[in-house]
Amino acid sequence: MVSNLNDLKKQIFYDLLELAGRVFIVVRHSDRVRIGSRGFLPEEKEKGIVLVFNKMMHFEWGDAGISATLGFGSRTEKCFIPPDDIFAVFSPELSAQFTVSREEQDLPQAVDSKTPAERHQPDQKVVKVDFNKKK
């Protein structure tokens, strides 16, 4: 079943990439995932890391996973992401996402578990992100 699920992740990844021109994946921290010498930041170890792919990038999704050189600020890192460690594939442009649920202890908490009242305290800083394409 895992193989079929990984095939589905790959198919959705390429479908969204074809339709929108870019696709985002959320990768959980794992010893199998390689993010060059950068690795995972402490917060990413808990919540996962979001990686962006576009049509112009040179990457390969083989049987074992995605191999790519990705940019992090001014540095590039050689990365390897096994499909088992991808728990979401999404496209903000298409308002589409595919998320895989596993046992709660297996997945990082991608969603804040605080109540809405706790999240919107007046002393908190709010950052708005506009995922619309510039024309």
N, C-alpha and C. Protein backbone atom coordinates (compact mmCIF):
# COMPACT_ATOMS: atom_id res chain seq x y z
N MET A 1 0.82 -1.19 0.00
CA MET A 1 0.00 0.00 0.00
C MET A 1 0.87 1.26 0.00
N VAL A 2 2.00 1.23 0.72
CA VAL A 2 2.88 2.40 0.77
C VAL A 2 3.37 2.75 -0.62
N SER A 3 3.73 1.75 -1.41
CA SER A 3 4.19 1.99 -2.77
C SER A 3 3.12 2.69 -3.59
N ASN A 4 1.87 2.23 -3.48
CA ASN A 4 0.77 2.87 -4.20
C ASN A 4 0.56 4.31 -3.72
N LEU A 5 0.70 4.54 -2.44
CA LEU A 5 0.55 5.88 -1.88
C LEU A 5 1.67 6.78 -2.38
N ASN A 6 2.88 6.27 -2.45
CA ASN A 6 4.00 7.05 -2.97
C ASN A 6 3.83 7.34 -4.46
N ASP A 7 3.28 6.39 -5.19
CA ASP A 7 2.97 6.63 -6.61
C ASP A 7 1.94 7.74 -6.76
N LEU A 8 0.96 7.75 -5.86
CA LEU A 8 -0.07 8.79 -5.88
C LEU A 8 0.54 10.16 -5.57
N LYS A 9 1.43 10.23 -4.59
CA LYS A 9 2.12 11.49 -4.27
C LYS A 9 2.87 12.00 -5.50
N LYS A 10 3.56 11.10 -6.17
CA LYS A 10 4.34 11.47 -7.35
C LYS A 10 3.42 11.97 -8.47
N GLN A 11 2.32 11.28 -8.69
CA GLN A 11 1.38 11.67 -9.74
C GLN A 11 0.79 13.04 -9.44
N ILE A 12 0.37 13.28 -8.21
CA ILE A 12 -0.20 14.57 -7.82
C ILE A 12 0.85 15.66 -7.94
N PHE A 13 2.07 15.38 -7.53
CA PHE A 13 3.17 16.33 -7.64
C PHE A 13 3.31 16.80 -9.09
N TYR A 14 3.41 15.86 -10.02
CA TYR A 14 3.61 16.21 -11.42
C TYR A 14 2.37 16.85 -12.04
N ASP A 15 1.17 16.43 -11.62
CA ASP A 15 -0.05 17.06 -12.13
C ASP A 15 -0.12 18.52 -11.71
N LEU A 16 0.15 18.80 -10.43
CA LEU A 16 0.13 20.18 -9.94
C LEU A 16 1.22 21.01 -10.60
N LEU A 17 2.39 20.41 -10.78
CA LEU A 17 3.50 21.10 -11.43
C LEU A 17 3.12 21.49 -12.86
N GLU A 18 2.48 20.59 -13.56
CA GLU A 18 2.08 20.85 -14.94
C GLU A 18 1.01 21.95 -15.01
N LEU A 19 0.06 21.91 -14.10
CA LEU A 19 -1.04 22.88 -14.12
C LEU A 19 -0.62 24.26 -13.64
N ALA A 20 0.19 24.33 -12.58
CA ALA A 20 0.50 25.61 -11.94
C ALA A 20 1.91 26.12 -12.23
N GLY A 21 2.80 25.25 -12.66
CA GLY A 21 4.17 25.69 -12.91
C GLY A 21 5.08 25.54 -11.71
N ARG A 22 4.50 25.38 -10.54
CA ARG A 22 5.29 25.11 -9.34
C ARG A 22 4.45 24.29 -8.37
N VAL A 23 5.14 23.61 -7.49
CA VAL A 23 4.47 22.77 -6.50
C VAL A 23 5.27 22.81 -5.21
N PHE A 24 4.57 22.75 -4.08
CA PHE A 24 5.17 22.75 -2.76
C PHE A 24 5.02 21.36 -2.16
N ILE A 25 6.04 20.93 -1.43
CA ILE A 25 5.90 19.69 -0.66
C ILE A 25 6.29 19.98 0.78
N VAL A 26 5.67 19.27 1.70
CA VAL A 26 6.01 19.37 3.11
C VAL A 26 6.68 18.05 3.49
N VAL A 27 7.90 18.17 4.00
CA VAL A 27 8.71 17.00 4.30
C VAL A 27 8.96 16.93 5.79
N ARG A 28 8.71 15.78 6.37
CA ARG A 28 8.96 15.63 7.81
C ARG A 28 10.43 15.31 8.05
N HIS A 29 10.90 15.63 9.23
CA HIS A 29 12.28 15.33 9.60
C HIS A 29 12.46 13.82 9.70
N SER A 30 13.54 13.34 9.14
CA SER A 30 13.86 11.92 9.15
C SER A 30 15.35 11.77 8.87
N ASP A 31 15.93 10.69 9.33
CA ASP A 31 17.34 10.42 9.04
C ASP A 31 17.56 10.12 7.57
N ARG A 32 16.50 9.76 6.86
CA ARG A 32 16.61 9.44 5.43
C ARG A 32 16.64 10.70 4.55
N VAL A 33 16.08 11.80 5.05
CA VAL A 33 16.02 13.05 4.28
C VAL A 33 17.37 13.75 4.37
N ARG A 34 17.86 14.22 3.24
CA ARG A 34 19.13 14.96 3.17
C ARG A 34 18.86 16.36 2.65
N ILE A 35 19.24 17.35 3.44
CA ILE A 35 19.15 18.75 3.03
C ILE A 35 20.57 19.32 3.05
N GLY A 36 21.45 18.72 2.29
CA GLY A 36 22.85 19.14 2.21
C GLY A 36 23.48 19.28 3.57
N SER A 37 24.39 20.25 3.69
CA SER A 37 25.04 20.49 4.99
C SER A 37 24.15 21.33 5.90
N ARG A 38 23.12 21.96 5.33
CA ARG A 38 22.21 22.80 6.11
C ARG A 38 21.42 21.97 7.11
N GLY A 39 20.87 20.87 6.65
CA GLY A 39 20.03 20.04 7.48
C GLY A 39 18.71 20.73 7.83
N PHE A 40 18.08 20.25 8.88
CA PHE A 40 16.82 20.81 9.36
C PHE A 40 17.10 21.78 10.50
N LEU A 41 16.40 22.89 10.50
CA LEU A 41 16.45 23.82 11.63
C LEU A 41 15.61 23.23 12.76
N PRO A 42 15.81 23.67 14.01
CA PRO A 42 15.05 23.09 15.12
C PRO A 42 13.53 23.10 14.91
N GLU A 43 12.98 24.21 14.42
CA GLU A 43 11.53 24.28 14.19
C GLU A 43 11.11 23.32 13.09
N GLU A 44 11.95 23.16 12.07
CA GLU A 44 11.64 22.25 10.96
C GLU A 44 11.66 20.80 11.42
N LYS A 45 12.48 20.49 12.42
CA LYS A 45 12.50 19.12 12.96
C LYS A 45 11.16 18.79 13.59
N GLU A 46 10.49 19.79 14.14
CA GLU A 46 9.19 19.56 14.78
C GLU A 46 8.03 19.61 13.78
N LYS A 47 8.05 20.61 12.88
CA LYS A 47 6.91 20.86 12.01
C LYS A 47 7.09 20.41 10.58
N GLY A 48 8.33 20.10 10.19
CA GLY A 48 8.61 19.75 8.81
C GLY A 48 9.13 20.97 8.06
N ILE A 49 9.56 20.74 6.83
CA ILE A 49 10.09 21.81 6.00
C ILE A 49 9.29 21.85 4.70
N VAL A 50 9.02 23.07 4.22
CA VAL A 50 8.32 23.24 2.96
C VAL A 50 9.35 23.50 1.88
N LEU A 51 9.31 22.71 0.83
CA LEU A 51 10.22 22.86 -0.30
C LEU A 51 9.41 23.18 -1.55
N VAL A 52 9.97 24.03 -2.40
CA VAL A 52 9.27 24.48 -3.61
C VAL A 52 10.01 23.98 -4.85
N PHE A 53 9.26 23.44 -5.79
CA PHE A 53 9.80 22.98 -7.06
C PHE A 53 9.05 23.69 -8.18
N ASN A 54 9.78 24.00 -9.26
CA ASN A 54 9.11 24.59 -10.42
C ASN A 54 9.59 23.88 -11.68
N LYS A 55 8.94 24.19 -12.79
CA LYS A 55 9.23 23.51 -14.06
C LYS A 55 10.65 23.75 -14.56
N MET A 56 11.25 24.86 -14.18
CA MET A 56 12.57 25.22 -14.68
C MET A 56 13.71 24.51 -13.93
N MET A 57 13.39 23.93 -12.80
CA MET A 57 14.41 23.27 -11.98
C MET A 57 14.79 21.92 -12.57
N HIS A 58 16.02 21.54 -12.31
CA HIS A 58 16.49 20.21 -12.70
C HIS A 58 16.45 19.32 -11.47
N PHE A 59 15.52 18.40 -11.46
CA PHE A 59 15.40 17.44 -10.36
C PHE A 59 14.94 16.13 -10.95
N GLU A 60 15.07 15.08 -10.17
CA GLU A 60 14.66 13.76 -10.63
C GLU A 60 13.91 13.06 -9.50
N TRP A 61 12.74 12.52 -9.83
CA TRP A 61 11.98 11.73 -8.87
C TRP A 61 12.11 10.28 -9.32
N GLY A 62 13.07 9.58 -8.73
CA GLY A 62 13.28 8.18 -9.04
C GLY A 62 12.51 7.29 -8.08
N ASP A 63 12.77 5.99 -8.15
CA ASP A 63 12.08 5.03 -7.28
C ASP A 63 12.34 5.30 -5.80
N ALA A 64 13.55 5.77 -5.47
CA ALA A 64 13.91 5.98 -4.07
C ALA A 64 13.48 7.34 -3.54
N GLY A 65 13.20 8.31 -4.44
CA GLY A 65 12.79 9.63 -3.98
C GLY A 65 13.25 10.73 -4.92
N ILE A 66 13.15 11.97 -4.43
CA ILE A 66 13.49 13.15 -5.22
C ILE A 66 14.93 13.55 -4.94
N SER A 67 15.71 13.71 -5.99
CA SER A 67 17.07 14.24 -5.91
C SER A 67 17.06 15.60 -6.58
N ALA A 68 17.56 16.62 -5.87
CA ALA A 68 17.55 17.98 -6.42
C ALA A 68 18.59 18.82 -5.72
N THR A 69 18.99 19.89 -6.39
CA THR A 69 19.80 20.92 -5.75
C THR A 69 18.87 22.11 -5.53
N LEU A 70 18.64 22.44 -4.27
CA LEU A 70 17.68 23.48 -3.91
C LEU A 70 18.39 24.67 -3.30
N GLY A 71 17.80 25.85 -3.48
CA GLY A 71 18.37 27.08 -2.95
C GLY A 71 17.79 27.42 -1.60
N PHE A 72 18.67 27.79 -0.68
CA PHE A 72 18.29 28.24 0.66
C PHE A 72 19.02 29.56 0.88
N GLY A 73 18.34 30.67 0.61
CA GLY A 73 19.02 31.96 0.66
C GLY A 73 20.02 32.02 -0.47
N SER A 74 21.26 32.34 -0.14
CA SER A 74 22.29 32.45 -1.17
C SER A 74 23.04 31.13 -1.40
N ARG A 75 22.69 30.10 -0.65
CA ARG A 75 23.37 28.80 -0.77
C ARG A 75 22.50 27.79 -1.49
N THR A 76 23.15 26.88 -2.17
CA THR A 76 22.44 25.74 -2.74
C THR A 76 22.88 24.50 -1.99
N GLU A 77 21.96 23.58 -1.85
CA GLU A 77 22.22 22.34 -1.12
C GLU A 77 21.73 21.16 -1.95
N LYS A 78 22.52 20.09 -1.97
CA LYS A 78 22.08 18.86 -2.62
C LYS A 78 21.12 18.17 -1.66
N CYS A 79 19.93 17.85 -2.17
CA CYS A 79 18.87 17.31 -1.33
C CYS A 79 18.38 15.97 -1.86
N PHE A 80 17.92 15.16 -0.94
CA PHE A 80 17.27 13.90 -1.28
C PHE A 80 16.08 13.73 -0.36
N ILE A 81 14.90 13.49 -0.96
CA ILE A 81 13.67 13.36 -0.18
C ILE A 81 12.98 12.05 -0.55
N PRO A 82 12.97 11.07 0.36
CA PRO A 82 12.23 9.84 0.10
C PRO A 82 10.72 10.14 0.11
N PRO A 83 9.94 9.51 -0.75
CA PRO A 83 8.51 9.80 -0.79
C PRO A 83 7.79 9.45 0.52
N ASP A 84 8.30 8.50 1.29
CA ASP A 84 7.68 8.16 2.57
C ASP A 84 7.67 9.35 3.52
N ASP A 85 8.62 10.27 3.36
CA ASP A 85 8.74 11.41 4.28
C ASP A 85 8.03 12.66 3.76
N ILE A 86 7.34 12.56 2.64
CA ILE A 86 6.53 13.66 2.13
C ILE A 86 5.13 13.47 2.69
N PHE A 87 4.65 14.45 3.48
CA PHE A 87 3.30 14.26 4.01
C PHE A 87 2.30 15.25 3.45
N ALA A 88 2.73 16.16 2.57
CA ALA A 88 1.77 17.02 1.88
C ALA A 88 2.36 17.50 0.56
N VAL A 89 1.50 17.60 -0.44
CA VAL A 89 1.84 18.15 -1.74
C VAL A 89 0.75 19.17 -2.03
N PHE A 90 1.15 20.42 -2.33
CA PHE A 90 0.10 21.41 -2.55
C PHE A 90 0.50 22.49 -3.54
N SER A 91 -0.54 23.20 -4.00
CA SER A 91 -0.37 24.32 -4.93
C SER A 91 -1.25 25.46 -4.47
N PRO A 92 -0.66 26.56 -3.98
CA PRO A 92 -1.47 27.71 -3.58
C PRO A 92 -2.23 28.31 -4.77
N GLU A 93 -1.62 28.30 -5.96
CA GLU A 93 -2.28 28.86 -7.14
C GLU A 93 -3.58 28.13 -7.47
N LEU A 94 -3.60 26.84 -7.26
CA LEU A 94 -4.77 26.04 -7.59
C LEU A 94 -5.68 25.79 -6.39
N SER A 95 -5.26 26.27 -5.22
CA SER A 95 -5.99 26.00 -3.97
C SER A 95 -6.23 24.50 -3.82
N ALA A 96 -5.17 23.73 -4.09
CA ALA A 96 -5.27 22.27 -4.04
C ALA A 96 -4.18 21.71 -3.15
N GLN A 97 -4.54 20.68 -2.39
CA GLN A 97 -3.54 20.02 -1.56
C GLN A 97 -3.87 18.56 -1.39
N PHE A 98 -2.83 17.78 -1.18
CA PHE A 98 -2.96 16.36 -0.88
C PHE A 98 -2.13 16.12 0.37
N THR A 99 -2.78 15.64 1.42
CA THR A 99 -2.11 15.42 2.69
C THR A 99 -2.28 13.97 3.10
N VAL A 100 -1.19 13.40 3.61
CA VAL A 100 -1.21 12.02 4.07
C VAL A 100 -1.20 12.02 5.59
N SER A 101 -2.14 11.31 6.18
CA SER A 101 -2.19 11.19 7.63
C SER A 101 -1.60 9.85 8.03
N ARG A 102 -0.83 9.87 9.08
CA ARG A 102 -0.28 8.65 9.68
C ARG A 102 -0.56 8.71 11.16
N GLU A 103 -0.02 7.76 11.89
CA GLU A 103 -0.15 7.81 13.33
C GLU A 103 0.36 9.16 13.80
N GLU A 104 -0.30 9.76 14.76
CA GLU A 104 0.06 11.10 15.21
C GLU A 104 1.50 11.20 15.65
N GLN A 105 2.04 10.15 16.28
CA GLN A 105 3.43 10.22 16.73
C GLN A 105 4.42 10.17 15.57
N ASP A 106 3.98 9.73 14.38
CA ASP A 106 4.87 9.65 13.22
C ASP A 106 5.01 10.97 12.48
N LEU A 107 4.02 11.86 12.63
CA LEU A 107 4.03 13.10 11.86
C LEU A 107 4.32 14.30 12.74
N PRO A 108 5.08 15.25 12.23
CA PRO A 108 5.25 16.49 12.95
C PRO A 108 3.93 17.25 12.96
N GLN A 109 3.74 18.11 13.92
CA GLN A 109 2.52 18.89 14.00
C GLN A 109 2.60 20.05 13.01
N ALA A 110 1.97 19.88 11.86
CA ALA A 110 1.99 20.92 10.83
C ALA A 110 0.98 22.02 11.14
N VAL A 111 -0.03 21.69 11.93
CA VAL A 111 -1.05 22.67 12.26
C VAL A 111 -0.90 23.04 13.73
N ASP A 112 -1.02 24.32 14.01
CA ASP A 112 -0.92 24.80 15.38
C ASP A 112 -2.06 24.22 16.20
N SER A 113 -1.75 23.63 17.35
CA SER A 113 -2.77 23.00 18.18
C SER A 113 -3.45 23.98 19.13
N LYS A 114 -3.05 25.26 19.11
CA LYS A 114 -3.67 26.26 19.97
C LYS A 114 -5.07 26.56 19.48
N THR A 115 -5.91 27.02 20.41
CA THR A 115 -7.26 27.44 20.02
C THR A 115 -7.17 28.75 19.26
N PRO A 116 -8.20 29.10 18.47
CA PRO A 116 -8.16 30.37 17.74
C PRO A 116 -7.94 31.57 18.66
N ALA A 117 -8.52 31.56 19.85
CA ALA A 117 -8.33 32.68 20.78
C ALA A 117 -6.87 32.79 21.23
N GLU A 118 -6.22 31.64 21.44
CA GLU A 118 -4.81 31.65 21.85
C GLU A 118 -3.90 32.12 20.72
N ARG A 119 -4.23 31.78 19.47
CA ARG A 119 -3.41 32.18 18.33
C ARG A 119 -3.48 33.66 18.06
N HIS A 120 -4.58 34.31 18.39
CA HIS A 120 -4.79 35.71 18.04
C HIS A 120 -4.68 36.62 19.25
N GLN A 121 -3.66 36.42 20.03
CA GLN A 121 -3.40 37.32 21.15
C GLN A 121 -2.91 38.65 20.60
N PRO A 122 -3.27 39.78 21.22
CA PRO A 122 -2.88 41.09 20.70
C PRO A 122 -1.37 41.30 20.60
N ASP A 123 -0.59 40.63 21.45
CA ASP A 123 0.85 40.85 21.43
C ASP A 123 1.55 40.01 20.37
N GLN A 124 0.83 39.13 19.68
CA GLN A 124 1.42 38.30 18.65
C GLN A 124 1.60 39.09 17.36
N LYS A 125 2.66 38.80 16.63
CA LYS A 125 2.87 39.39 15.33
C LYS A 125 2.19 38.51 14.29
N VAL A 126 1.49 39.12 13.36
CA VAL A 126 0.79 38.40 12.32
C VAL A 126 1.47 38.69 11.00
N VAL A 127 1.76 37.63 10.26
CA VAL A 127 2.37 37.77 8.94
C VAL A 127 1.38 37.22 7.92
N LYS A 128 1.03 38.05 6.94
CA LYS A 128 0.14 37.61 5.88
C LYS A 128 0.99 37.23 4.68
N VAL A 129 0.63 36.13 4.03
CA VAL A 129 1.35 35.67 2.85
C VAL A 129 0.36 35.64 1.68
N ASP A 130 0.70 36.30 0.59
CA ASP A 130 -0.12 36.32 -0.60
C ASP A 130 0.48 35.35 -1.61
N PHE A 131 -0.21 34.24 -1.89
CA PHE A 131 0.29 33.25 -2.81
C PHE A 131 -0.17 33.49 -4.25
N ASN A 132 -0.83 34.62 -4.49
CA ASN A 132 -1.28 34.91 -5.85
C ASN A 132 -0.11 35.20 -6.74
N LYS A 133 -0.21 34.77 -8.01
CA LYS A 133 0.84 35.01 -8.98
C LYS A 133 0.84 36.47 -9.38
N LYS A 134 2.02 37.04 -9.51
CA LYS A 134 2.11 38.41 -10.00
C LYS A 134 1.89 38.41 -11.49
N LYS A 135 1.21 39.44 -11.98
CA LYS A 135 0.92 39.50 -13.42
C LYS A 135 1.91 40.37 -14.12
